[in-house]
Amino acid sequence: MQLPDDYPPLLGEFACVLHARLSQCLPADVAQRVALAQADDLGQTYEGCQIYIPKRDGLARARRDEAIARAFNGRNVAELARRFGLSTTQIYDILSRQRCPKKNLLE
């Protein structure tokens, strides 16, 4: 992907990531124009801000925990622990959090 010479490095990385995805479903020239436009939009929106992008493992863990809660039948804690590579204590902890999620303290 061709980036302007004076393009900021971080926006260039965003543009390349966007271009890689867009080029899967759009012609290359259109994907490049859209990716650069989107990177410019991100730059204008978050100009001067520090942005933290959390790791995606939190989402994977949440999905795993939901799968454990759905599969739980009241008698299969040991089997769930083996299946998900966790201890029975961890399974019980996950089940307690799934049944009784923490309240939003700001409410």
PDB file of N, CA and C in Angstrom:
ATOM      1  N   MET A   1       0.857  -1.175   0.000  1.00  0.00           N
ATOM      2  CA  MET A   1       0.000   0.000   0.000  1.00  0.00           C
ATOM      3  C   MET A   1       0.896   1.228   0.000  1.00  0.00           C
ATOM      4  N   GLN A   2       0.573   2.183  -0.833  1.00  0.00           N
ATOM      5  CA  GLN A   2       1.344   3.418  -0.928  1.00  0.00           C
ATOM      6  C   GLN A   2       0.803   4.446   0.066  1.00  0.00           C
ATOM      7  N   LEU A   3       1.683   4.921   0.919  1.00  0.00           N
ATOM      8  CA  LEU A   3       1.312   5.960   1.881  1.00  0.00           C
ATOM      9  C   LEU A   3       2.025   7.254   1.501  1.00  0.00           C
ATOM     10  N   PRO A   4       1.396   8.398   1.754  1.00  0.00           N
ATOM     11  CA  PRO A   4       2.090   9.667   1.520  1.00  0.00           C
ATOM     12  C   PRO A   4       3.371   9.714   2.365  1.00  0.00           C
ATOM     13  N   ASP A   5       4.397  10.389   1.847  1.00  0.00           N
ATOM     14  CA  ASP A   5       5.697  10.453   2.525  1.00  0.00           C
ATOM     15  C   ASP A   5       5.604  11.012   3.932  1.00  0.00           C
ATOM     16  N   ASP A   6       4.746  11.982   4.148  1.00  0.00           N
ATOM     17  CA  ASP A   6       4.660  12.646   5.451  1.00  0.00           C
ATOM     18  C   ASP A   6       3.584  12.042   6.354  1.00  0.00           C
ATOM     19  N   TYR A   7       3.108  10.858   6.008  1.00  0.00           N
ATOM     20  CA  TYR A   7       2.021  10.241   6.772  1.00  0.00           C
ATOM     21  C   TYR A   7       2.541   9.790   8.139  1.00  0.00           C
ATOM     22  N   PRO A   8       1.821  10.098   9.231  1.00  0.00           N
ATOM     23  CA  PRO A   8       2.261   9.672  10.562  1.00  0.00           C
ATOM     24  C   PRO A   8       2.342   8.146  10.656  1.00  0.00           C
ATOM     25  N   PRO A   9       3.390   7.621  11.289  1.00  0.00           N
ATOM     26  CA  PRO A   9       3.590   6.163  11.338  1.00  0.00           C
ATOM     27  C   PRO A   9       2.410   5.377  11.909  1.00  0.00           C
ATOM     28  N   LEU A  10       1.828   5.834  13.001  1.00  0.00           N
ATOM     29  CA  LEU A  10       0.717   5.088  13.600  1.00  0.00           C
ATOM     30  C   LEU A  10      -0.486   5.055  12.667  1.00  0.00           C
ATOM     31  N   LEU A  11      -0.803   6.194  12.049  1.00  0.00           N
ATOM     32  CA  LEU A  11      -1.920   6.205  11.096  1.00  0.00           C
ATOM     33  C   LEU A  11      -1.604   5.330   9.894  1.00  0.00           C
ATOM     34  N   GLY A  12      -0.334   5.274   9.510  1.00  0.00           N
ATOM     35  CA  GLY A  12       0.074   4.390   8.422  1.00  0.00           C
ATOM     36  C   GLY A  12      -0.180   2.930   8.765  1.00  0.00           C
ATOM     37  N   GLU A  13       0.111   2.562  10.012  1.00  0.00           N
ATOM     38  CA  GLU A  13      -0.165   1.189  10.450  1.00  0.00           C
ATOM     39  C   GLU A  13      -1.664   0.898  10.422  1.00  0.00           C
ATOM     40  N   PHE A  14      -2.458   1.855  10.923  1.00  0.00           N
ATOM     41  CA  PHE A  14      -3.919   1.685  10.868  1.00  0.00           C
ATOM     42  C   PHE A  14      -4.384   1.529   9.426  1.00  0.00           C
ATOM     43  N   ALA A  15      -3.874   2.386   8.542  1.00  0.00           N
ATOM     44  CA  ALA A  15      -4.275   2.334   7.139  1.00  0.00           C
ATOM     45  C   ALA A  15      -3.932   0.979   6.522  1.00  0.00           C
ATOM     46  N   CYS A  16      -2.771   0.444   6.854  1.00  0.00           N
ATOM     47  CA  CYS A  16      -2.379  -0.860   6.302  1.00  0.00           C
ATOM     48  C   CYS A  16      -3.281  -1.985   6.807  1.00  0.00           C
ATOM     49  N   VAL A  17      -3.640  -1.931   8.096  1.00  0.00           N
ATOM     50  CA  VAL A  17      -4.542  -2.948   8.647  1.00  0.00           C
ATOM     51  C   VAL A  17      -5.914  -2.846   7.979  1.00  0.00           C
ATOM     52  N   LEU A  18      -6.412  -1.631   7.864  1.00  0.00           N
ATOM     53  CA  LEU A  18      -7.712  -1.418   7.211  1.00  0.00           C
ATOM     54  C   LEU A  18      -7.663  -1.867   5.754  1.00  0.00           C
ATOM     55  N   HIS A  19      -6.593  -1.533   5.072  1.00  0.00           N
ATOM     56  CA  HIS A  19      -6.447  -1.907   3.662  1.00  0.00           C
ATOM     57  C   HIS A  19      -6.436  -3.419   3.484  1.00  0.00           C
ATOM     58  N   ALA A  20      -5.736  -4.119   4.388  1.00  0.00           N
ATOM     59  CA  ALA A  20      -5.681  -5.579   4.291  1.00  0.00           C
ATOM     60  C   ALA A  20      -7.075  -6.188   4.365  1.00  0.00           C
ATOM     61  N   ARG A  21      -7.906  -5.659   5.258  1.00  0.00           N
ATOM     62  CA  ARG A  21      -9.265  -6.188   5.391  1.00  0.00           C
ATOM     63  C   ARG A  21     -10.140  -5.769   4.213  1.00  0.00           C
ATOM     64  N   LEU A  22     -10.067  -4.494   3.834  1.00  0.00           N
ATOM     65  CA  LEU A  22     -10.921  -3.982   2.764  1.00  0.00           C
ATOM     66  C   LEU A  22     -10.582  -4.599   1.413  1.00  0.00           C
ATOM     67  N   SER A  23      -9.319  -4.918   1.200  1.00  0.00           N
ATOM     68  CA  SER A  23      -8.920  -5.471  -0.099  1.00  0.00           C
ATOM     69  C   SER A  23      -9.462  -6.884  -0.304  1.00  0.00           C
ATOM     70  N   GLN A  24      -9.987  -7.482   0.751  1.00  0.00           N
ATOM     71  CA  GLN A  24     -10.609  -8.801   0.613  1.00  0.00           C
ATOM     72  C   GLN A  24     -11.962  -8.716  -0.089  1.00  0.00           C
ATOM     73  N   CYS A  25     -12.568  -7.520  -0.058  1.00  0.00           N
ATOM     74  CA  CYS A  25     -13.909  -7.413  -0.638  1.00  0.00           C
ATOM     75  C   CYS A  25     -14.077  -6.227  -1.588  1.00  0.00           C
ATOM     76  N   LEU A  26     -13.018  -5.453  -1.790  1.00  0.00           N
ATOM     77  CA  LEU A  26     -13.087  -4.295  -2.679  1.00  0.00           C
ATOM     78  C   LEU A  26     -11.911  -4.315  -3.640  1.00  0.00           C
ATOM     79  N   PRO A  27     -12.042  -3.682  -4.801  1.00  0.00           N
ATOM     80  CA  PRO A  27     -10.878  -3.544  -5.687  1.00  0.00           C
ATOM     81  C   PRO A  27      -9.756  -2.811  -4.950  1.00  0.00           C
ATOM     82  N   ALA A  28      -8.514  -3.116  -5.297  1.00  0.00           N
ATOM     83  CA  ALA A  28      -7.344  -2.597  -4.579  1.00  0.00           C
ATOM     84  C   ALA A  28      -7.331  -1.075  -4.484  1.00  0.00           C
ATOM     85  N   ASP A  29      -7.648  -0.377  -5.582  1.00  0.00           N
ATOM     86  CA  ASP A  29      -7.595   1.091  -5.550  1.00  0.00           C
ATOM     87  C   ASP A  29      -8.666   1.667  -4.633  1.00  0.00           C
ATOM     88  N   VAL A  30      -9.846   1.062  -4.636  1.00  0.00           N
ATOM     89  CA  VAL A  30     -10.931   1.524  -3.762  1.00  0.00           C
ATOM     90  C   VAL A  30     -10.563   1.221  -2.305  1.00  0.00           C
ATOM     91  N   ALA A  31     -10.036   0.030  -2.053  1.00  0.00           N
ATOM     92  CA  ALA A  31      -9.644  -0.347  -0.690  1.00  0.00           C
ATOM     93  C   ALA A  31      -8.601   0.629  -0.155  1.00  0.00           C
ATOM     94  N   GLN A  32      -7.652   1.031  -0.996  1.00  0.00           N
ATOM     95  CA  GLN A  32      -6.622   1.969  -0.541  1.00  0.00           C
ATOM     96  C   GLN A  32      -7.216   3.331  -0.219  1.00  0.00           C
ATOM     97  N   ARG A  33      -8.089   3.837  -1.078  1.00  0.00           N
ATOM     98  CA  ARG A  33      -8.713   5.150  -0.818  1.00  0.00           C
ATOM     99  C   ARG A  33      -9.534   5.123   0.471  1.00  0.00           C
ATOM    100  N   VAL A  34     -10.319   4.077   0.653  1.00  0.00           N
ATOM    101  CA  VAL A  34     -11.169   3.972   1.844  1.00  0.00           C
ATOM    102  C   VAL A  34     -10.305   3.814   3.100  1.00  0.00           C
ATOM    103  N   ALA A  35      -9.250   2.997   3.017  1.00  0.00           N
ATOM    104  CA  ALA A  35      -8.375   2.786   4.176  1.00  0.00           C
ATOM    105  C   ALA A  35      -7.704   4.094   4.582  1.00  0.00           C
ATOM    106  N   LEU A  36      -7.218   4.857   3.625  1.00  0.00           N
ATOM    107  CA  LEU A  36      -6.587   6.140   3.946  1.00  0.00           C
ATOM    108  C   LEU A  36      -7.604   7.120   4.526  1.00  0.00           C
ATOM    109  N   ALA A  37      -8.811   7.132   3.968  1.00  0.00           N
ATOM    110  CA  ALA A  37      -9.855   8.019   4.485  1.00  0.00           C
ATOM    111  C   ALA A  37     -10.220   7.647   5.924  1.00  0.00           C
ATOM    112  N   GLN A  38     -10.320   6.350   6.186  1.00  0.00           N
ATOM    113  CA  GLN A  38     -10.651   5.910   7.544  1.00  0.00           C
ATOM    114  C   GLN A  38      -9.514   6.222   8.516  1.00  0.00           C
ATOM    115  N   ALA A  39      -8.279   6.035   8.087  1.00  0.00           N
ATOM    116  CA  ALA A  39      -7.140   6.370   8.948  1.00  0.00           C
ATOM    117  C   ALA A  39      -7.119   7.873   9.227  1.00  0.00           C
ATOM    118  N   ASP A  40      -7.429   8.677   8.213  1.00  0.00           N
ATOM    119  CA  ASP A  40      -7.512  10.129   8.425  1.00  0.00           C
ATOM    120  C   ASP A  40      -8.610  10.466   9.432  1.00  0.00           C
ATOM    121  N   ASP A  41      -9.751   9.789   9.308  1.00  0.00           N
ATOM    122  CA  ASP A  41     -10.850  10.015  10.261  1.00  0.00           C
ATOM    123  C   ASP A  41     -10.425   9.672  11.688  1.00  0.00           C
ATOM    124  N   LEU A  42      -9.712   8.548  11.847  1.00  0.00           N
ATOM    125  CA  LEU A  42      -9.213   8.174  13.176  1.00  0.00           C
ATOM    126  C   LEU A  42      -8.258   9.237  13.701  1.00  0.00           C
ATOM    127  N   GLY A  43      -7.393   9.734  12.818  1.00  0.00           N
ATOM    128  CA  GLY A  43      -6.451  10.770  13.215  1.00  0.00           C
ATOM    129  C   GLY A  43      -7.148  12.042  13.665  1.00  0.00           C
ATOM    130  N   GLN A  44      -8.174  12.448  12.940  1.00  0.00           N
ATOM    131  CA  GLN A  44      -8.912  13.662  13.314  1.00  0.00           C
ATOM    132  C   GLN A  44      -9.707  13.460  14.599  1.00  0.00           C
ATOM    133  N   THR A  45     -10.288  12.297  14.749  1.00  0.00           N
ATOM    134  CA  THR A  45     -11.121  12.021  15.925  1.00  0.00           C
ATOM    135  C   THR A  45     -10.294  11.933  17.197  1.00  0.00           C
ATOM    136  N   TYR A  46      -9.139  11.263  17.121  1.00  0.00           N
ATOM    137  CA  TYR A  46      -8.352  11.004  18.324  1.00  0.00           C
ATOM    138  C   TYR A  46      -7.049  11.797  18.366  1.00  0.00           C
ATOM    139  N   GLU A  47      -6.979  12.847  17.589  1.00  0.00           N
ATOM    140  CA  GLU A  47      -5.783  13.693  17.523  1.00  0.00           C
ATOM    141  C   GLU A  47      -5.369  14.169  18.913  1.00  0.00           C
ATOM    142  N   GLY A  48      -4.126  13.920  19.281  1.00  0.00           N
ATOM    143  CA  GLY A  48      -3.600  14.368  20.559  1.00  0.00           C
ATOM    144  C   GLY A  48      -3.965  13.489  21.740  1.00  0.00           C
ATOM    145  N   CYS A  49      -4.755  12.450  21.528  1.00  0.00           N
ATOM    146  CA  CYS A  49      -5.182  11.569  22.621  1.00  0.00           C
ATOM    147  C   CYS A  49      -4.246  10.373  22.735  1.00  0.00           C
ATOM    148  N   GLN A  50      -4.127   9.865  23.929  1.00  0.00           N
ATOM    149  CA  GLN A  50      -3.479   8.579  24.120  1.00  0.00           C
ATOM    150  C   GLN A  50      -4.585   7.545  24.185  1.00  0.00           C
ATOM    151  N   ILE A  51      -4.463   6.520  23.384  1.00  0.00           N
ATOM    152  CA  ILE A  51      -5.513   5.506  23.303  1.00  0.00           C
ATOM    153  C   ILE A  51      -4.945   4.177  23.769  1.00  0.00           C
ATOM    154  N   TYR A  52      -5.664   3.532  24.669  1.00  0.00           N
ATOM    155  CA  TYR A  52      -5.303   2.190  25.124  1.00  0.00           C
ATOM    156  C   TYR A  52      -6.213   1.203  24.407  1.00  0.00           C
ATOM    157  N   ILE A  53      -5.635   0.235  23.741  1.00  0.00           N
ATOM    158  CA  ILE A  53      -6.412  -0.808  23.089  1.00  0.00           C
ATOM    159  C   ILE A  53      -6.161  -2.090  23.876  1.00  0.00           C
ATOM    160  N   PRO A  54      -7.179  -2.575  24.581  1.00  0.00           N
ATOM    161  CA  PRO A  54      -6.973  -3.752  25.436  1.00  0.00           C
ATOM    162  C   PRO A  54      -6.714  -5.008  24.606  1.00  0.00           C
ATOM    163  N   LYS A  55      -6.046  -5.959  25.225  1.00  0.00           N
ATOM    164  CA  LYS A  55      -5.834  -7.245  24.578  1.00  0.00           C
ATOM    165  C   LYS A  55      -7.176  -7.916  24.355  1.00  0.00           C
ATOM    166  N   ARG A  56      -7.236  -8.734  23.356  1.00  0.00           N
ATOM    167  CA  ARG A  56      -8.491  -9.400  23.031  1.00  0.00           C
ATOM    168  C   ARG A  56      -8.738 -10.632  23.879  1.00  0.00           C
ATOM    169  N   ASP A  57      -7.800 -11.012  24.731  1.00  0.00           N
ATOM    170  CA  ASP A  57      -8.004 -12.222  25.522  1.00  0.00           C
ATOM    171  C   ASP A  57      -9.162 -12.080  26.501  1.00  0.00           C
ATOM    172  N   GLY A  58      -9.512 -10.848  26.871  1.00  0.00           N
ATOM    173  CA  GLY A  58     -10.670 -10.647  27.739  1.00  0.00           C
ATOM    174  C   GLY A  58     -11.952 -11.107  27.077  1.00  0.00           C
ATOM    175  N   LEU A  59     -12.081 -10.838  25.780  1.00  0.00           N
ATOM    176  CA  LEU A  59     -13.254 -11.283  25.036  1.00  0.00           C
ATOM    177  C   LEU A  59     -13.278 -12.804  24.931  1.00  0.00           C
ATOM    178  N   ALA A  60     -12.126 -13.396  24.650  1.00  0.00           N
ATOM    179  CA  ALA A  60     -12.054 -14.862  24.553  1.00  0.00           C
ATOM    180  C   ALA A  60     -12.400 -15.500  25.891  1.00  0.00           C
ATOM    181  N   ARG A  61     -11.915 -14.902  26.982  1.00  0.00           N
ATOM    182  CA  ARG A  61     -12.205 -15.437  28.306  1.00  0.00           C
ATOM    183  C   ARG A  61     -13.693 -15.321  28.623  1.00  0.00           C
ATOM    184  N   ALA A  62     -14.308 -14.203  28.243  1.00  0.00           N
ATOM    185  CA  ALA A  62     -15.744 -14.025  28.488  1.00  0.00           C
ATOM    186  C   ALA A  62     -16.554 -15.066  27.718  1.00  0.00           C
ATOM    187  N   ARG A  63     -16.157 -15.327  26.481  1.00  0.00           N
ATOM    188  CA  ARG A  63     -16.857 -16.351  25.682  1.00  0.00           C
ATOM    189  C   ARG A  63     -16.677 -17.735  26.290  1.00  0.00           C
ATOM    190  N   ARG A  64     -15.448 -18.014  26.752  1.00  0.00           N
ATOM    191  CA  ARG A  64     -15.201 -19.304  27.404  1.00  0.00           C
ATOM    192  C   ARG A  64     -16.063 -19.452  28.646  1.00  0.00           C
ATOM    193  N   ASP A  65     -16.129 -18.401  29.456  1.00  0.00           N
ATOM    194  CA  ASP A  65     -16.920 -18.451  30.683  1.00  0.00           C
ATOM    195  C   ASP A  65     -18.400 -18.669  30.385  1.00  0.00           C
ATOM    196  N   GLU A  66     -18.896 -18.033  29.325  1.00  0.00           N
ATOM    197  CA  GLU A  66     -20.297 -18.244  28.935  1.00  0.00           C
ATOM    198  C   GLU A  66     -20.522 -19.684  28.486  1.00  0.00           C
ATOM    199  N   ALA A  67     -19.557 -20.239  27.753  1.00  0.00           N
ATOM    200  CA  ALA A  67     -19.669 -21.632  27.307  1.00  0.00           C
ATOM    201  C   ALA A  67     -19.673 -22.579  28.501  1.00  0.00           C
ATOM    202  N   ILE A  68     -18.867 -22.278  29.498  1.00  0.00           N
ATOM    203  CA  ILE A  68     -18.840 -23.106  30.716  1.00  0.00           C
ATOM    204  C   ILE A  68     -20.184 -23.038  31.423  1.00  0.00           C
ATOM    205  N   ALA A  69     -20.734 -21.845  31.559  1.00  0.00           N
ATOM    206  CA  ALA A  69     -22.032 -21.694  32.235  1.00  0.00           C
ATOM    207  C   ALA A  69     -23.129 -22.438  31.478  1.00  0.00           C
ATOM    208  N   ARG A  70     -23.100 -22.367  30.142  1.00  0.00           N
ATOM    209  CA  ARG A  70     -24.123 -23.072  29.345  1.00  0.00           C
ATOM    210  C   ARG A  70     -23.987 -24.585  29.474  1.00  0.00           C
ATOM    211  N   ALA A  71     -22.739 -25.080  29.544  1.00  0.00           N
ATOM    212  CA  ALA A  71     -22.508 -26.528  29.593  1.00  0.00           C
ATOM    213  C   ALA A  71     -22.711 -27.116  30.990  1.00  0.00           C
ATOM    214  N   PHE A  72     -22.722 -26.276  32.002  1.00  0.00           N
ATOM    215  CA  PHE A  72     -22.846 -26.764  33.374  1.00  0.00           C
ATOM    216  C   PHE A  72     -24.228 -27.368  33.600  1.00  0.00           C
ATOM    217  N   ASN A  73     -24.233 -28.604  34.147  1.00  0.00           N
ATOM    218  CA  ASN A  73     -25.514 -29.269  34.402  1.00  0.00           C
ATOM    219  C   ASN A  73     -25.724 -29.598  35.875  1.00  0.00           C
ATOM    220  N   GLY A  74     -24.836 -29.078  36.740  1.00  0.00           N
ATOM    221  CA  GLY A  74     -24.960 -29.323  38.165  1.00  0.00           C
ATOM    222  C   GLY A  74     -24.101 -30.453  38.675  1.00  0.00           C
ATOM    223  N   ARG A  75     -23.628 -31.302  37.753  1.00  0.00           N
ATOM    224  CA  ARG A  75     -22.843 -32.468  38.172  1.00  0.00           C
ATOM    225  C   ARG A  75     -21.561 -32.644  37.368  1.00  0.00           C
ATOM    226  N   ASN A  76     -21.212 -31.703  36.518  1.00  0.00           N
ATOM    227  CA  ASN A  76     -20.096 -31.931  35.602  1.00  0.00           C
ATOM    228  C   ASN A  76     -18.924 -30.961  35.776  1.00  0.00           C
ATOM    229  N   VAL A  77     -18.680 -30.511  36.987  1.00  0.00           N
ATOM    230  CA  VAL A  77     -17.591 -29.553  37.234  1.00  0.00           C
ATOM    231  C   VAL A  77     -16.238 -30.159  36.847  1.00  0.00           C
ATOM    232  N   ALA A  78     -15.976 -31.396  37.264  1.00  0.00           N
ATOM    233  CA  ALA A  78     -14.687 -32.024  36.951  1.00  0.00           C
ATOM    234  C   ALA A  78     -14.511 -32.179  35.441  1.00  0.00           C
ATOM    235  N   GLU A  79     -15.574 -32.561  34.762  1.00  0.00           N
ATOM    236  CA  GLU A  79     -15.496 -32.730  33.299  1.00  0.00           C
ATOM    237  C   GLU A  79     -15.243 -31.390  32.622  1.00  0.00           C
ATOM    238  N   LEU A  80     -15.897 -30.320  33.096  1.00  0.00           N
ATOM    239  CA  LEU A  80     -15.682 -28.988  32.531  1.00  0.00           C
ATOM    240  C   LEU A  80     -14.248 -28.522  32.782  1.00  0.00           C
ATOM    241  N   ALA A  81     -13.727 -28.821  33.967  1.00  0.00           N
ATOM    242  CA  ALA A  81     -12.345 -28.447  34.290  1.00  0.00           C
ATOM    243  C   ALA A  81     -11.378 -29.121  33.320  1.00  0.00           C
ATOM    244  N   ARG A  82     -11.588 -30.395  33.052  1.00  0.00           N
ATOM    245  CA  ARG A  82     -10.724 -31.110  32.094  1.00  0.00           C
ATOM    246  C   ARG A  82     -10.875 -30.534  30.685  1.00  0.00           C
ATOM    247  N   ARG A  83     -12.115 -30.325  30.271  1.00  0.00           N
ATOM    248  CA  ARG A  83     -12.376 -29.849  28.919  1.00  0.00           C
ATOM    249  C   ARG A  83     -11.753 -28.478  28.653  1.00  0.00           C
ATOM    250  N   PHE A  84     -11.811 -27.589  29.643  1.00  0.00           N
ATOM    251  CA  PHE A  84     -11.325 -26.227  29.444  1.00  0.00           C
ATOM    252  C   PHE A  84      -9.930 -25.996  30.031  1.00  0.00           C
ATOM    253  N   GLY A  85      -9.307 -27.048  30.579  1.00  0.00           N
ATOM    254  CA  GLY A  85      -7.952 -26.925  31.108  1.00  0.00           C
ATOM    255  C   GLY A  85      -7.863 -26.029  32.332  1.00  0.00           C
ATOM    256  N   LEU A  86      -8.874 -26.105  33.185  1.00  0.00           N
ATOM    257  CA  LEU A  86      -8.933 -25.285  34.391  1.00  0.00           C
ATOM    258  C   LEU A  86      -9.065 -26.188  35.607  1.00  0.00           C
ATOM    259  N   SER A  87      -8.923 -25.602  36.785  1.00  0.00           N
ATOM    260  CA  SER A  87      -9.148 -26.361  38.020  1.00  0.00           C
ATOM    261  C   SER A  87     -10.641 -26.314  38.347  1.00  0.00           C
ATOM    262  N   THR A  88     -11.064 -27.216  39.215  1.00  0.00           N
ATOM    263  CA  THR A  88     -12.472 -27.188  39.627  1.00  0.00           C
ATOM    264  C   THR A  88     -12.780 -25.901  40.385  1.00  0.00           C
ATOM    265  N   THR A  89     -11.795 -25.392  41.127  1.00  0.00           N
ATOM    266  CA  THR A  89     -11.995 -24.116  41.832  1.00  0.00           C
ATOM    267  C   THR A  89     -12.251 -22.988  40.844  1.00  0.00           C
ATOM    268  N   GLN A  90     -11.495 -22.969  39.748  1.00  0.00           N
ATOM    269  CA  GLN A  90     -11.710 -21.941  38.728  1.00  0.00           C
ATOM    270  C   GLN A  90     -13.100 -22.076  38.098  1.00  0.00           C
ATOM    271  N   ILE A  91     -13.539 -23.300  37.866  1.00  0.00           N
ATOM    272  CA  ILE A  91     -14.881 -23.514  37.292  1.00  0.00           C
ATOM    273  C   ILE A  91     -15.940 -22.981  38.248  1.00  0.00           C
ATOM    274  N   TYR A  92     -15.812 -23.298  39.537  1.00  0.00           N
ATOM    275  CA  TYR A  92     -16.785 -22.784  40.502  1.00  0.00           C
ATOM    276  C   TYR A  92     -16.775 -21.255  40.539  1.00  0.00           C
ATOM    277  N   ASP A  93     -15.593 -20.664  40.458  1.00  0.00           N
ATOM    278  CA  ASP A  93     -15.486 -19.203  40.459  1.00  0.00           C
ATOM    279  C   ASP A  93     -16.180 -18.611  39.231  1.00  0.00           C
ATOM    280  N   ILE A  94     -15.946 -19.209  38.073  1.00  0.00           N
ATOM    281  CA  ILE A  94     -16.584 -18.741  36.839  1.00  0.00           C
ATOM    282  C   ILE A  94     -18.100 -18.871  36.943  1.00  0.00           C
ATOM    283  N   LEU A  95     -18.565 -19.995  37.450  1.00  0.00           N
ATOM    284  CA  LEU A  95     -20.012 -20.210  37.583  1.00  0.00           C
ATOM    285  C   LEU A  95     -20.634 -19.196  38.537  1.00  0.00           C
ATOM    286  N   SER A  96     -19.929 -18.879  39.620  1.00  0.00           N
ATOM    287  CA  SER A  96     -20.494 -17.904  40.561  1.00  0.00           C
ATOM    288  C   SER A  96     -20.553 -16.518  39.923  1.00  0.00           C
ATOM    289  N   ARG A  97     -19.557 -16.166  39.116  1.00  0.00           N
ATOM    290  CA  ARG A  97     -19.581 -14.856  38.441  1.00  0.00           C
ATOM    291  C   ARG A  97     -20.642 -14.812  37.346  1.00  0.00           C
ATOM    292  N   GLN A  98     -20.874 -15.919  36.674  1.00  0.00           N
ATOM    293  CA  GLN A  98     -21.876 -15.962  35.610  1.00  0.00           C
ATOM    294  C   GLN A  98     -23.293 -15.870  36.177  1.00  0.00           C
ATOM    295  N   ARG A  99     -23.505 -16.455  37.349  1.00  0.00           N
ATOM    296  CA  ARG A  99     -24.839 -16.418  37.963  1.00  0.00           C
ATOM    297  C   ARG A  99     -25.107 -15.113  38.680  1.00  0.00           C
ATOM    298  N   CYS A 100     -24.062 -14.471  39.177  1.00  0.00           N
ATOM    299  CA  CYS A 100     -24.223 -13.284  39.988  1.00  0.00           C
ATOM    300  C   CYS A 100     -23.210 -12.220  39.543  1.00  0.00           C
ATOM    301  N   PRO A 101     -23.392 -11.643  38.340  1.00  0.00           N
ATOM    302  CA  PRO A 101     -22.418 -10.662  37.872  1.00  0.00           C
ATOM    303  C   PRO A 101     -22.365  -9.450  38.784  1.00  0.00           C
ATOM    304  N   LYS A 102     -21.190  -8.829  38.846  1.00  0.00           N
ATOM    305  CA  LYS A 102     -21.014  -7.651  39.704  1.00  0.00           C
ATOM    306  C   LYS A 102     -21.870  -6.521  39.210  1.00  0.00           C
ATOM    307  N   LYS A 103     -22.446  -5.783  40.134  1.00  0.00           N
ATOM    308  CA  LYS A 103     -23.267  -4.615  39.800  1.00  0.00           C
ATOM    309  C   LYS A 103     -22.356  -3.481  39.365  1.00  0.00           C
ATOM    310  N   ASN A 104     -22.873  -2.652  38.495  1.00  0.00           N
ATOM    311  CA  ASN A 104     -22.146  -1.443  38.105  1.00  0.00           C
ATOM    312  C   ASN A 104     -22.152  -0.499  39.291  1.00  0.00           C
ATOM    313  N   LEU A 105     -20.981  -0.186  39.802  1.00  0.00           N
ATOM    314  CA  LEU A 105     -20.891   0.656  40.995  1.00  0.00           C
ATOM    315  C   LEU A 105     -21.309   2.085  40.743  1.00  0.00           C
ATOM    316  N   LEU A 106     -21.423   2.497  39.484  1.00  0.00           N
ATOM    317  CA  LEU A 106     -21.816   3.869  39.169  1.00  0.00           C
ATOM    318  C   LEU A 106     -23.329   4.042  39.145  1.00  0.00           C
ATOM    319  N   GLU A 107     -24.056   2.954  39.203  1.00  0.00           N
ATOM    320  CA  GLU A 107     -25.531   3.063  39.143  1.00  0.00           C
ATOM    321  C   GLU A 107     -26.080   3.578  40.442  1.00  0.00           C
TER     322      GLU A 107
END
